[in-house]
Amino acid sequence: MARILAIDFGKVRTGLAVTDELQIIASGLTTVPTKELIPFLKDYIAKEKVECFVVGEPKQMDATASESEALIIPFLKTLSDTFPDLPVHRVDERFTSKMAFQTMIDSGLKKKQRKNKALVDEISATLILQSFLYSK
């Protein structure tokens, strides 16, 4: 089997998470500057088998698209054009940043460590991926 790669897309940086090859466990991969995302994905996919992408879908509380969806739409087009053979799934990402922050608190990270926004993005991507795995 191949891995599933989740993307928590952001204007400045993007969190990434992947499954193991059996698609059982979601783990944080890294956070990359958004402008370097496509080259990073090309390099990663050259080394690892990836079955599909899971991209967070930011929504308002009333389930309408949030403002950041406008940034994600062009990225989705680029992603599909760059990797035409890999399907892209969307997952509601409401509350993932808050859940990621709470996870950091629960795991005992110090206040200074919790200010690491890159780590929040990576954990958020992991939560998005875990949500996708539960829905399968």
N, C-alpha and C. Protein backbone atom coordinates (compact mmCIF):
# COMPACT_ATOMS: atom_id res chain seq x y z
N MET A 1 0.83 -1.18 0.00
CA MET A 1 0.00 0.00 0.00
C MET A 1 0.88 1.25 0.00
N ALA A 2 0.25 2.34 -0.33
CA ALA A 2 0.96 3.62 -0.36
C ALA A 2 0.48 4.50 0.78
N ARG A 3 1.23 5.52 1.06
CA ARG A 3 0.89 6.45 2.13
C ARG A 3 -0.21 7.43 1.69
N ILE A 4 -0.86 8.03 2.66
CA ILE A 4 -1.78 9.14 2.42
C ILE A 4 -1.09 10.36 3.02
N LEU A 5 -1.09 11.46 2.28
CA LEU A 5 -0.40 12.66 2.72
C LEU A 5 -1.43 13.76 2.96
N ALA A 6 -1.42 14.33 4.17
CA ALA A 6 -2.35 15.39 4.52
C ALA A 6 -1.64 16.74 4.51
N ILE A 7 -2.41 17.76 4.12
CA ILE A 7 -1.87 19.11 3.97
C ILE A 7 -2.76 20.09 4.74
N ASP A 8 -2.15 20.79 5.69
CA ASP A 8 -2.83 21.89 6.38
C ASP A 8 -2.25 23.16 5.77
N PHE A 9 -2.88 23.62 4.69
CA PHE A 9 -2.36 24.72 3.88
C PHE A 9 -2.48 26.05 4.61
N GLY A 10 -1.41 26.82 4.56
CA GLY A 10 -1.41 28.15 5.16
C GLY A 10 -0.75 29.14 4.23
N LYS A 11 -1.03 30.40 4.44
CA LYS A 11 -0.48 31.46 3.59
C LYS A 11 1.04 31.51 3.68
N VAL A 12 1.59 31.33 4.89
CA VAL A 12 3.03 31.44 5.11
C VAL A 12 3.70 30.07 5.18
N ARG A 13 3.11 29.17 5.94
CA ARG A 13 3.71 27.83 6.09
C ARG A 13 2.59 26.79 6.07
N THR A 14 2.97 25.57 5.72
CA THR A 14 2.02 24.49 5.54
C THR A 14 2.47 23.27 6.33
N GLY A 15 1.55 22.75 7.13
CA GLY A 15 1.83 21.54 7.90
C GLY A 15 1.52 20.31 7.08
N LEU A 16 2.35 19.29 7.24
CA LEU A 16 2.18 18.04 6.50
C LEU A 16 2.18 16.86 7.46
N ALA A 17 1.38 15.87 7.13
CA ALA A 17 1.33 14.62 7.90
C ALA A 17 1.17 13.47 6.91
N VAL A 18 1.60 12.29 7.31
CA VAL A 18 1.47 11.10 6.46
C VAL A 18 1.04 9.91 7.29
N THR A 19 0.50 8.93 6.57
CA THR A 19 0.21 7.66 7.23
C THR A 19 1.42 6.75 7.06
N ASP A 20 1.39 5.66 7.80
CA ASP A 20 2.34 4.58 7.53
C ASP A 20 1.87 3.90 6.24
N GLU A 21 2.63 2.94 5.74
CA GLU A 21 2.29 2.29 4.48
C GLU A 21 1.01 1.47 4.57
N LEU A 22 0.63 1.04 5.76
CA LEU A 22 -0.61 0.28 5.93
C LEU A 22 -1.81 1.19 6.16
N GLN A 23 -1.58 2.49 6.19
CA GLN A 23 -2.61 3.51 6.37
C GLN A 23 -3.38 3.34 7.68
N ILE A 24 -2.63 3.06 8.74
CA ILE A 24 -3.23 2.87 10.06
C ILE A 24 -2.94 4.06 10.96
N ILE A 25 -1.70 4.53 10.94
CA ILE A 25 -1.27 5.57 11.87
C ILE A 25 -0.95 6.86 11.13
N ALA A 26 -1.49 7.98 11.63
CA ALA A 26 -1.17 9.30 11.09
C ALA A 26 -0.07 9.91 11.93
N SER A 27 0.96 10.41 11.28
CA SER A 27 2.09 11.03 11.98
C SER A 27 2.44 12.35 11.31
N GLY A 28 2.87 13.31 12.13
CA GLY A 28 3.34 14.56 11.58
C GLY A 28 4.58 14.32 10.74
N LEU A 29 4.67 14.98 9.60
CA LEU A 29 5.84 14.86 8.74
C LEU A 29 6.76 16.05 8.95
N THR A 30 6.25 17.25 8.67
CA THR A 30 7.04 18.46 8.81
C THR A 30 6.16 19.67 8.54
N THR A 31 6.75 20.82 8.64
CA THR A 31 6.12 22.06 8.20
C THR A 31 7.09 22.71 7.23
N VAL A 32 6.56 23.15 6.10
CA VAL A 32 7.42 23.79 5.09
C VAL A 32 6.87 25.17 4.75
N PRO A 33 7.75 26.08 4.35
CA PRO A 33 7.25 27.36 3.85
C PRO A 33 6.34 27.10 2.64
N THR A 34 5.20 27.73 2.58
CA THR A 34 4.22 27.46 1.53
C THR A 34 4.81 27.66 0.14
N LYS A 35 5.68 28.63 -0.01
CA LYS A 35 6.27 28.86 -1.34
C LYS A 35 7.16 27.70 -1.78
N GLU A 36 7.59 26.85 -0.85
CA GLU A 36 8.43 25.69 -1.18
C GLU A 36 7.64 24.37 -1.17
N LEU A 37 6.31 24.47 -1.05
CA LEU A 37 5.49 23.27 -0.87
C LEU A 37 5.52 22.32 -2.07
N ILE A 38 5.28 22.82 -3.27
CA ILE A 38 5.23 21.95 -4.45
C ILE A 38 6.59 21.27 -4.68
N PRO A 39 7.72 22.00 -4.64
CA PRO A 39 9.01 21.31 -4.78
C PRO A 39 9.22 20.25 -3.69
N PHE A 40 8.80 20.55 -2.46
CA PHE A 40 8.93 19.57 -1.38
C PHE A 40 8.11 18.32 -1.69
N LEU A 41 6.86 18.51 -2.15
CA LEU A 41 6.00 17.37 -2.46
C LEU A 41 6.56 16.55 -3.61
N LYS A 42 7.10 17.20 -4.63
CA LYS A 42 7.72 16.48 -5.75
C LYS A 42 8.85 15.59 -5.25
N ASP A 43 9.69 16.15 -4.40
CA ASP A 43 10.82 15.39 -3.85
C ASP A 43 10.32 14.23 -2.99
N TYR A 44 9.33 14.49 -2.14
CA TYR A 44 8.81 13.44 -1.25
C TYR A 44 8.19 12.30 -2.05
N ILE A 45 7.40 12.64 -3.06
CA ILE A 45 6.70 11.63 -3.85
C ILE A 45 7.67 10.85 -4.74
N ALA A 46 8.81 11.45 -5.05
CA ALA A 46 9.84 10.72 -5.79
C ALA A 46 10.45 9.62 -4.92
N LYS A 47 10.41 9.79 -3.60
CA LYS A 47 11.02 8.83 -2.67
C LYS A 47 10.01 7.87 -2.05
N GLU A 48 8.77 8.31 -1.88
CA GLU A 48 7.75 7.52 -1.19
C GLU A 48 6.52 7.35 -2.08
N LYS A 49 5.86 6.19 -1.95
CA LYS A 49 4.60 5.97 -2.66
C LYS A 49 3.49 6.70 -1.91
N VAL A 50 2.75 7.52 -2.63
CA VAL A 50 1.62 8.25 -2.05
C VAL A 50 0.38 7.91 -2.85
N GLU A 51 -0.69 7.53 -2.15
CA GLU A 51 -1.94 7.13 -2.79
C GLU A 51 -2.84 8.32 -3.11
N CYS A 52 -2.89 9.28 -2.19
CA CYS A 52 -3.75 10.44 -2.37
C CYS A 52 -3.34 11.55 -1.41
N PHE A 53 -3.93 12.72 -1.65
CA PHE A 53 -3.75 13.87 -0.76
C PHE A 53 -5.04 14.11 0.01
N VAL A 54 -4.90 14.59 1.23
CA VAL A 54 -6.03 15.05 2.03
C VAL A 54 -5.71 16.49 2.40
N VAL A 55 -6.58 17.40 1.97
CA VAL A 55 -6.33 18.82 2.19
C VAL A 55 -7.43 19.36 3.11
N GLY A 56 -7.01 20.08 4.13
CA GLY A 56 -7.95 20.67 5.06
C GLY A 56 -8.87 21.67 4.35
N GLU A 57 -10.13 21.65 4.77
CA GLU A 57 -11.12 22.57 4.21
C GLU A 57 -11.61 23.50 5.32
N PRO A 58 -11.10 24.73 5.33
CA PRO A 58 -11.50 25.66 6.40
C PRO A 58 -12.93 26.14 6.22
N LYS A 59 -13.70 26.04 7.28
CA LYS A 59 -15.11 26.47 7.23
C LYS A 59 -15.43 27.36 8.43
N GLN A 60 -16.43 28.19 8.23
CA GLN A 60 -16.96 29.00 9.31
C GLN A 60 -17.84 28.11 10.20
N MET A 61 -18.28 28.64 11.30
CA MET A 61 -19.14 27.88 12.20
C MET A 61 -20.45 27.47 11.53
N ASP A 62 -20.94 28.28 10.56
CA ASP A 62 -22.19 27.94 9.88
C ASP A 62 -21.96 27.05 8.65
N ALA A 63 -20.78 26.47 8.55
CA ALA A 63 -20.38 25.52 7.50
C ALA A 63 -20.13 26.16 6.14
N THR A 64 -20.12 27.49 6.06
CA THR A 64 -19.74 28.14 4.81
C THR A 64 -18.21 28.22 4.74
N ALA A 65 -17.71 28.40 3.54
CA ALA A 65 -16.25 28.47 3.35
C ALA A 65 -15.68 29.69 4.07
N SER A 66 -14.51 29.51 4.67
CA SER A 66 -13.86 30.64 5.34
C SER A 66 -13.06 31.44 4.31
N GLU A 67 -12.56 32.59 4.74
CA GLU A 67 -11.80 33.46 3.84
C GLU A 67 -10.55 32.78 3.30
N SER A 68 -9.94 31.92 4.09
CA SER A 68 -8.69 31.29 3.64
C SER A 68 -8.92 30.26 2.53
N GLU A 69 -10.16 29.87 2.30
CA GLU A 69 -10.45 28.96 1.18
C GLU A 69 -10.05 29.59 -0.14
N ALA A 70 -10.13 30.91 -0.23
CA ALA A 70 -9.73 31.62 -1.46
C ALA A 70 -8.26 31.40 -1.78
N LEU A 71 -7.43 31.19 -0.75
CA LEU A 71 -6.01 30.90 -0.97
C LEU A 71 -5.80 29.44 -1.37
N ILE A 72 -6.67 28.57 -0.89
CA ILE A 72 -6.50 27.13 -1.12
C ILE A 72 -6.93 26.72 -2.53
N ILE A 73 -7.94 27.37 -3.09
CA ILE A 73 -8.45 27.00 -4.41
C ILE A 73 -7.35 27.02 -5.48
N PRO A 74 -6.55 28.11 -5.60
CA PRO A 74 -5.46 28.08 -6.59
C PRO A 74 -4.42 26.98 -6.29
N PHE A 75 -4.16 26.75 -5.00
CA PHE A 75 -3.22 25.69 -4.64
C PHE A 75 -3.76 24.33 -5.10
N LEU A 76 -5.05 24.07 -4.91
CA LEU A 76 -5.63 22.80 -5.33
C LEU A 76 -5.48 22.58 -6.83
N LYS A 77 -5.63 23.65 -7.60
CA LYS A 77 -5.45 23.56 -9.06
C LYS A 77 -4.00 23.20 -9.38
N THR A 78 -3.06 23.87 -8.73
CA THR A 78 -1.64 23.56 -8.94
C THR A 78 -1.33 22.13 -8.53
N LEU A 79 -1.88 21.71 -7.40
CA LEU A 79 -1.66 20.34 -6.91
C LEU A 79 -2.16 19.32 -7.92
N SER A 80 -3.38 19.52 -8.42
CA SER A 80 -3.96 18.59 -9.40
C SER A 80 -3.19 18.60 -10.72
N ASP A 81 -2.73 19.78 -11.14
CA ASP A 81 -1.95 19.87 -12.38
C ASP A 81 -0.58 19.21 -12.23
N THR A 82 0.02 19.34 -11.04
CA THR A 82 1.36 18.79 -10.80
C THR A 82 1.33 17.28 -10.60
N PHE A 83 0.27 16.81 -9.93
CA PHE A 83 0.14 15.38 -9.63
C PHE A 83 -1.23 14.87 -10.13
N PRO A 84 -1.41 14.79 -11.45
CA PRO A 84 -2.73 14.47 -12.00
C PRO A 84 -3.23 13.06 -11.64
N ASP A 85 -2.35 12.16 -11.28
CA ASP A 85 -2.76 10.79 -10.96
C ASP A 85 -3.13 10.58 -9.49
N LEU A 86 -2.94 11.61 -8.66
CA LEU A 86 -3.23 11.47 -7.24
C LEU A 86 -4.52 12.21 -6.88
N PRO A 87 -5.52 11.49 -6.40
CA PRO A 87 -6.76 12.16 -6.01
C PRO A 87 -6.56 13.06 -4.80
N VAL A 88 -7.40 14.09 -4.71
CA VAL A 88 -7.37 15.02 -3.59
C VAL A 88 -8.70 14.94 -2.86
N HIS A 89 -8.64 14.68 -1.57
CA HIS A 89 -9.83 14.63 -0.73
C HIS A 89 -9.80 15.85 0.19
N ARG A 90 -10.97 16.36 0.53
CA ARG A 90 -11.07 17.50 1.44
C ARG A 90 -11.66 17.03 2.77
N VAL A 91 -11.17 17.60 3.86
CA VAL A 91 -11.66 17.29 5.21
C VAL A 91 -11.87 18.59 5.96
N ASP A 92 -13.02 18.70 6.59
CA ASP A 92 -13.35 19.87 7.41
C ASP A 92 -12.26 20.03 8.48
N GLU A 93 -11.66 21.21 8.52
CA GLU A 93 -10.57 21.42 9.47
C GLU A 93 -10.93 22.36 10.61
N ARG A 94 -12.23 22.60 10.81
CA ARG A 94 -12.63 23.45 11.93
C ARG A 94 -12.08 22.90 13.24
N PHE A 95 -11.56 23.75 14.05
CA PHE A 95 -11.05 23.46 15.39
C PHE A 95 -9.72 22.70 15.42
N THR A 96 -9.13 22.38 14.28
CA THR A 96 -7.88 21.61 14.34
C THR A 96 -6.76 22.39 15.01
N SER A 97 -6.68 23.70 14.78
CA SER A 97 -5.61 24.48 15.42
C SER A 97 -5.81 24.51 16.94
N LYS A 98 -7.05 24.67 17.38
CA LYS A 98 -7.32 24.65 18.82
C LYS A 98 -7.03 23.28 19.41
N MET A 99 -7.41 22.23 18.69
CA MET A 99 -7.15 20.87 19.17
C MET A 99 -5.64 20.60 19.20
N ALA A 100 -4.92 21.12 18.21
CA ALA A 100 -3.46 20.94 18.18
C ALA A 100 -2.82 21.63 19.38
N PHE A 101 -3.27 22.84 19.67
CA PHE A 101 -2.73 23.57 20.82
C PHE A 101 -3.03 22.82 22.11
N GLN A 102 -4.24 22.29 22.25
CA GLN A 102 -4.60 21.53 23.45
C GLN A 102 -3.76 20.26 23.55
N THR A 103 -3.48 19.63 22.43
CA THR A 103 -2.62 18.45 22.40
C THR A 103 -1.24 18.79 22.93
N MET A 104 -0.74 19.96 22.55
CA MET A 104 0.58 20.40 23.03
C MET A 104 0.56 20.60 24.54
N ILE A 105 -0.51 21.18 25.05
CA ILE A 105 -0.64 21.37 26.50
C ILE A 105 -0.70 20.02 27.20
N ASP A 106 -1.56 19.14 26.67
CA ASP A 106 -1.75 17.82 27.29
C ASP A 106 -0.48 16.98 27.28
N SER A 107 0.37 17.21 26.29
CA SER A 107 1.61 16.42 26.22
C SER A 107 2.73 17.02 27.07
N GLY A 108 2.42 18.14 27.76
CA GLY A 108 3.37 18.70 28.70
C GLY A 108 4.39 19.66 28.11
N LEU A 109 4.15 20.16 26.90
CA LEU A 109 5.10 21.11 26.32
C LEU A 109 5.06 22.42 27.10
N LYS A 110 6.22 23.00 27.27
CA LYS A 110 6.32 24.27 27.98
C LYS A 110 5.74 25.40 27.13
N LYS A 111 5.42 26.51 27.78
CA LYS A 111 4.78 27.64 27.11
C LYS A 111 5.58 28.12 25.90
N LYS A 112 6.89 28.18 26.05
CA LYS A 112 7.75 28.62 24.95
C LYS A 112 7.63 27.67 23.75
N GLN A 113 7.58 26.36 24.02
CA GLN A 113 7.46 25.37 22.95
C GLN A 113 6.10 25.45 22.26
N ARG A 114 5.06 25.82 23.02
CA ARG A 114 3.71 25.91 22.46
C ARG A 114 3.56 27.11 21.52
N LYS A 115 4.50 28.04 21.57
CA LYS A 115 4.45 29.20 20.67
C LYS A 115 5.00 28.86 19.28
N ASN A 116 5.49 27.65 19.11
CA ASN A 116 6.03 27.21 17.83
C ASN A 116 4.87 26.94 16.86
N LYS A 117 4.57 27.93 16.01
CA LYS A 117 3.42 27.81 15.11
C LYS A 117 3.62 26.72 14.07
N ALA A 118 4.85 26.44 13.71
CA ALA A 118 5.12 25.37 12.76
C ALA A 118 4.68 24.03 13.35
N LEU A 119 4.93 23.83 14.64
CA LEU A 119 4.52 22.59 15.28
C LEU A 119 2.99 22.50 15.33
N VAL A 120 2.31 23.61 15.58
CA VAL A 120 0.85 23.63 15.58
C VAL A 120 0.33 23.21 14.21
N ASP A 121 0.94 23.72 13.13
CA ASP A 121 0.52 23.37 11.77
C ASP A 121 0.73 21.89 11.48
N GLU A 122 1.83 21.35 11.94
CA GLU A 122 2.12 19.93 11.72
C GLU A 122 1.12 19.05 12.48
N ILE A 123 0.84 19.42 13.71
CA ILE A 123 -0.14 18.66 14.50
C ILE A 123 -1.52 18.80 13.87
N SER A 124 -1.86 19.98 13.38
CA SER A 124 -3.15 20.18 12.71
C SER A 124 -3.29 19.27 11.49
N ALA A 125 -2.23 19.16 10.70
CA ALA A 125 -2.25 18.27 9.54
C ALA A 125 -2.47 16.82 9.99
N THR A 126 -1.85 16.46 11.11
CA THR A 126 -2.02 15.10 11.64
C THR A 126 -3.47 14.87 12.05
N LEU A 127 -4.10 15.87 12.67
CA LEU A 127 -5.50 15.75 13.07
C LEU A 127 -6.41 15.66 11.85
N ILE A 128 -6.12 16.41 10.80
CA ILE A 128 -6.89 16.34 9.56
C ILE A 128 -6.79 14.93 8.98
N LEU A 129 -5.58 14.39 8.97
CA LEU A 129 -5.36 13.05 8.43
C LEU A 129 -6.07 12.00 9.28
N GLN A 130 -5.99 12.14 10.58
CA GLN A 130 -6.64 11.19 11.49
C GLN A 130 -8.16 11.21 11.25
N SER A 131 -8.71 12.39 11.06
CA SER A 131 -10.14 12.53 10.78
C SER A 131 -10.50 11.79 9.48
N PHE A 132 -9.67 11.94 8.47
CA PHE A 132 -9.90 11.24 7.19
C PHE A 132 -9.85 9.74 7.39
N LEU A 133 -8.87 9.26 8.15
CA LEU A 133 -8.75 7.82 8.38
C LEU A 133 -9.98 7.27 9.12
N TYR A 134 -10.48 8.01 10.08
CA TYR A 134 -11.68 7.58 10.82
C TYR A 134 -12.88 7.49 9.89
N SER A 135 -12.96 8.40 8.90
CA SER A 135 -14.11 8.42 8.01
C SER A 135 -14.07 7.33 6.95
N LYS A 136 -12.92 6.70 6.76
CA LYS A 136 -12.79 5.64 5.74
C LYS A 136 -13.47 4.36 6.18
